[in-house]
Amino acid sequence: MNQCYYRIKQLATDGNSKGLLPVSKATIWRWVKEGRFPRPKQLGPRVTAWLATDVDGWVNKPGHAAGD
């Protein structure tokens, strides 16, 4: 079974594109550090990504409204 992943640019919103979450890359990394967002997986020396099932579960969990 293939696993799907989100890269940071797919999750974060910036001036050029809208991501899955209405927050910046810095906010996502801060949430990870605080334990408020799923930890990413290291796919390679310079490739970090989040399991789509982890992120989708987090998004759909009550209390995780936009900008939480």
N, C-alpha and C. Protein backbone atom coordinates (compact mmCIF):
# COMPACT_ATOMS: atom_id res chain seq x y z
N MET A 1 0.85 -1.19 0.00
CA MET A 1 0.00 0.00 0.00
C MET A 1 0.89 1.25 0.00
N ASN A 2 0.62 2.15 -0.91
CA ASN A 2 1.36 3.41 -0.98
C ASN A 2 0.83 4.39 0.05
N GLN A 3 1.75 5.14 0.65
CA GLN A 3 1.36 6.16 1.59
C GLN A 3 1.46 7.52 0.90
N CYS A 4 0.50 8.39 1.21
CA CYS A 4 0.51 9.74 0.66
C CYS A 4 1.08 10.69 1.70
N TYR A 5 1.78 11.69 1.23
CA TYR A 5 2.43 12.66 2.10
C TYR A 5 2.09 14.08 1.67
N TYR A 6 2.16 14.99 2.64
CA TYR A 6 2.07 16.43 2.37
C TYR A 6 3.44 17.03 2.62
N ARG A 7 3.90 17.86 1.72
CA ARG A 7 5.10 18.65 1.94
C ARG A 7 4.68 19.97 2.56
N ILE A 8 5.61 20.68 3.17
CA ILE A 8 5.30 21.93 3.87
C ILE A 8 4.64 22.94 2.94
N LYS A 9 5.07 23.01 1.69
CA LYS A 9 4.48 24.00 0.77
C LYS A 9 3.03 23.66 0.43
N GLN A 10 2.62 22.42 0.62
CA GLN A 10 1.22 22.05 0.41
C GLN A 10 0.37 22.39 1.63
N LEU A 11 0.99 22.42 2.79
CA LEU A 11 0.27 22.69 4.03
C LEU A 11 0.15 24.17 4.33
N ALA A 12 1.23 24.91 4.14
CA ALA A 12 1.28 26.32 4.56
C ALA A 12 0.74 27.25 3.48
N THR A 13 0.19 28.34 3.94
CA THR A 13 -0.27 29.40 3.05
C THR A 13 0.75 30.52 3.07
N ASP A 14 1.09 31.01 1.88
CA ASP A 14 1.99 32.16 1.81
C ASP A 14 1.43 33.16 0.81
N GLY A 15 2.18 34.17 0.51
CA GLY A 15 1.70 35.22 -0.39
C GLY A 15 1.40 34.75 -1.80
N ASN A 16 2.00 33.64 -2.21
CA ASN A 16 1.84 33.17 -3.58
C ASN A 16 0.84 32.03 -3.74
N SER A 17 0.61 31.29 -2.69
CA SER A 17 -0.27 30.13 -2.82
C SER A 17 -1.02 29.85 -1.53
N LYS A 18 -2.17 29.23 -1.69
CA LYS A 18 -2.99 28.86 -0.55
C LYS A 18 -2.74 27.40 -0.25
N GLY A 19 -2.36 27.12 0.98
CA GLY A 19 -2.13 25.75 1.41
C GLY A 19 -3.36 25.15 2.07
N LEU A 20 -3.22 23.94 2.52
CA LEU A 20 -4.30 23.25 3.21
C LEU A 20 -4.68 23.98 4.50
N LEU A 21 -3.69 24.59 5.15
CA LEU A 21 -3.92 25.32 6.40
C LEU A 21 -3.70 26.82 6.17
N PRO A 22 -4.50 27.66 6.81
CA PRO A 22 -4.35 29.11 6.63
C PRO A 22 -3.29 29.71 7.54
N VAL A 23 -2.15 29.05 7.64
CA VAL A 23 -1.07 29.52 8.50
C VAL A 23 0.26 29.41 7.76
N SER A 24 1.27 30.08 8.29
CA SER A 24 2.59 30.10 7.66
C SER A 24 3.39 28.85 7.98
N LYS A 25 4.49 28.67 7.26
CA LYS A 25 5.40 27.56 7.53
C LYS A 25 5.93 27.65 8.96
N ALA A 26 6.25 28.85 9.40
CA ALA A 26 6.78 29.04 10.75
C ALA A 26 5.78 28.58 11.80
N THR A 27 4.50 28.85 11.58
CA THR A 27 3.47 28.43 12.53
C THR A 27 3.38 26.91 12.59
N ILE A 28 3.43 26.26 11.44
CA ILE A 28 3.38 24.80 11.42
C ILE A 28 4.56 24.22 12.19
N TRP A 29 5.76 24.73 11.95
CA TRP A 29 6.93 24.23 12.66
C TRP A 29 6.84 24.52 14.16
N ARG A 30 6.29 25.67 14.54
CA ARG A 30 6.12 25.97 15.96
C ARG A 30 5.13 24.98 16.59
N TRP A 31 4.03 24.68 15.90
CA TRP A 31 3.06 23.72 16.40
C TRP A 31 3.70 22.34 16.57
N VAL A 32 4.55 21.93 15.63
CA VAL A 32 5.24 20.64 15.75
C VAL A 32 6.10 20.64 17.01
N LYS A 33 6.86 21.71 17.18
CA LYS A 33 7.74 21.82 18.35
C LYS A 33 6.95 21.77 19.65
N GLU A 34 5.76 22.39 19.66
CA GLU A 34 4.91 22.43 20.86
C GLU A 34 4.10 21.15 21.06
N GLY A 35 4.14 20.25 20.08
CA GLY A 35 3.36 19.03 20.17
C GLY A 35 1.90 19.19 19.79
N ARG A 36 1.58 20.28 19.11
CA ARG A 36 0.20 20.58 18.73
C ARG A 36 -0.14 20.10 17.33
N PHE A 37 0.84 19.65 16.58
CA PHE A 37 0.65 19.21 15.19
C PHE A 37 1.46 17.93 14.99
N PRO A 38 1.00 17.02 14.14
CA PRO A 38 1.74 15.77 13.94
C PRO A 38 3.20 16.01 13.54
N ARG A 39 4.06 15.12 13.99
CA ARG A 39 5.48 15.19 13.64
C ARG A 39 5.67 14.71 12.20
N PRO A 40 6.52 15.36 11.44
CA PRO A 40 6.78 14.92 10.08
C PRO A 40 7.70 13.71 10.05
N LYS A 41 7.77 13.09 8.89
CA LYS A 41 8.66 11.96 8.66
C LYS A 41 9.84 12.44 7.82
N GLN A 42 11.00 11.93 8.10
CA GLN A 42 12.19 12.25 7.31
C GLN A 42 12.26 11.23 6.17
N LEU A 43 12.02 11.68 4.93
CA LEU A 43 12.00 10.78 3.78
C LEU A 43 13.36 10.68 3.11
N GLY A 44 14.20 11.64 3.38
CA GLY A 44 15.54 11.66 2.81
C GLY A 44 16.36 12.70 3.52
N PRO A 45 17.61 12.89 3.12
CA PRO A 45 18.48 13.85 3.81
C PRO A 45 17.91 15.27 3.84
N ARG A 46 17.20 15.65 2.81
CA ARG A 46 16.65 17.01 2.74
C ARG A 46 15.16 17.02 2.45
N VAL A 47 14.49 15.92 2.74
CA VAL A 47 13.07 15.80 2.43
C VAL A 47 12.30 15.42 3.69
N THR A 48 11.44 16.33 4.12
CA THR A 48 10.58 16.11 5.28
C THR A 48 9.14 16.25 4.82
N ALA A 49 8.28 15.34 5.27
CA ALA A 49 6.88 15.39 4.86
C ALA A 49 6.01 14.79 5.96
N TRP A 50 4.74 15.09 5.88
CA TRP A 50 3.77 14.59 6.85
C TRP A 50 2.90 13.55 6.19
N LEU A 51 2.63 12.47 6.92
CA LEU A 51 1.68 11.48 6.42
C LEU A 51 0.32 12.16 6.25
N ALA A 52 -0.28 11.98 5.09
CA ALA A 52 -1.57 12.60 4.82
C ALA A 52 -2.62 12.14 5.83
N THR A 53 -2.57 10.89 6.23
CA THR A 53 -3.56 10.40 7.20
C THR A 53 -3.41 11.09 8.55
N ASP A 54 -2.17 11.40 8.95
CA ASP A 54 -1.94 12.12 10.21
C ASP A 54 -2.51 13.54 10.13
N VAL A 55 -2.22 14.23 9.04
CA VAL A 55 -2.68 15.62 8.88
C VAL A 55 -4.19 15.66 8.73
N ASP A 56 -4.74 14.80 7.89
CA ASP A 56 -6.18 14.80 7.68
C ASP A 56 -6.93 14.49 8.97
N GLY A 57 -6.40 13.57 9.76
CA GLY A 57 -7.00 13.26 11.06
C GLY A 57 -6.94 14.45 11.99
N TRP A 58 -5.81 15.17 11.97
CA TRP A 58 -5.66 16.36 12.81
C TRP A 58 -6.64 17.44 12.39
N VAL A 59 -6.76 17.68 11.08
CA VAL A 59 -7.66 18.71 10.56
C VAL A 59 -9.10 18.41 10.94
N ASN A 60 -9.49 17.15 10.89
CA ASN A 60 -10.87 16.77 11.15
C ASN A 60 -11.20 16.58 12.63
N LYS A 61 -10.18 16.68 13.48
CA LYS A 61 -10.39 16.52 14.92
C LYS A 61 -11.04 17.79 15.48
N PRO A 62 -12.08 17.63 16.31
CA PRO A 62 -12.72 18.82 16.90
C PRO A 62 -11.69 19.68 17.65
N GLY A 63 -11.83 20.99 17.52
CA GLY A 63 -10.95 21.91 18.22
C GLY A 63 -9.78 22.38 17.38
N HIS A 64 -9.64 21.86 16.18
CA HIS A 64 -8.54 22.28 15.31
C HIS A 64 -9.09 23.14 14.17
N ALA A 65 -9.74 24.19 14.56
CA ALA A 65 -10.30 25.12 13.58
C ALA A 65 -9.16 25.90 12.94
N ALA A 66 -9.45 26.52 11.84
CA ALA A 66 -8.45 27.32 11.12
C ALA A 66 -7.82 28.34 12.05
N GLY A 67 -6.50 28.34 12.06
CA GLY A 67 -5.76 29.31 12.87
C GLY A 67 -5.68 28.97 14.33
N ASP A 68 -6.05 27.74 14.71
CA ASP A 68 -6.00 27.32 16.12
C ASP A 68 -4.60 27.36 16.65
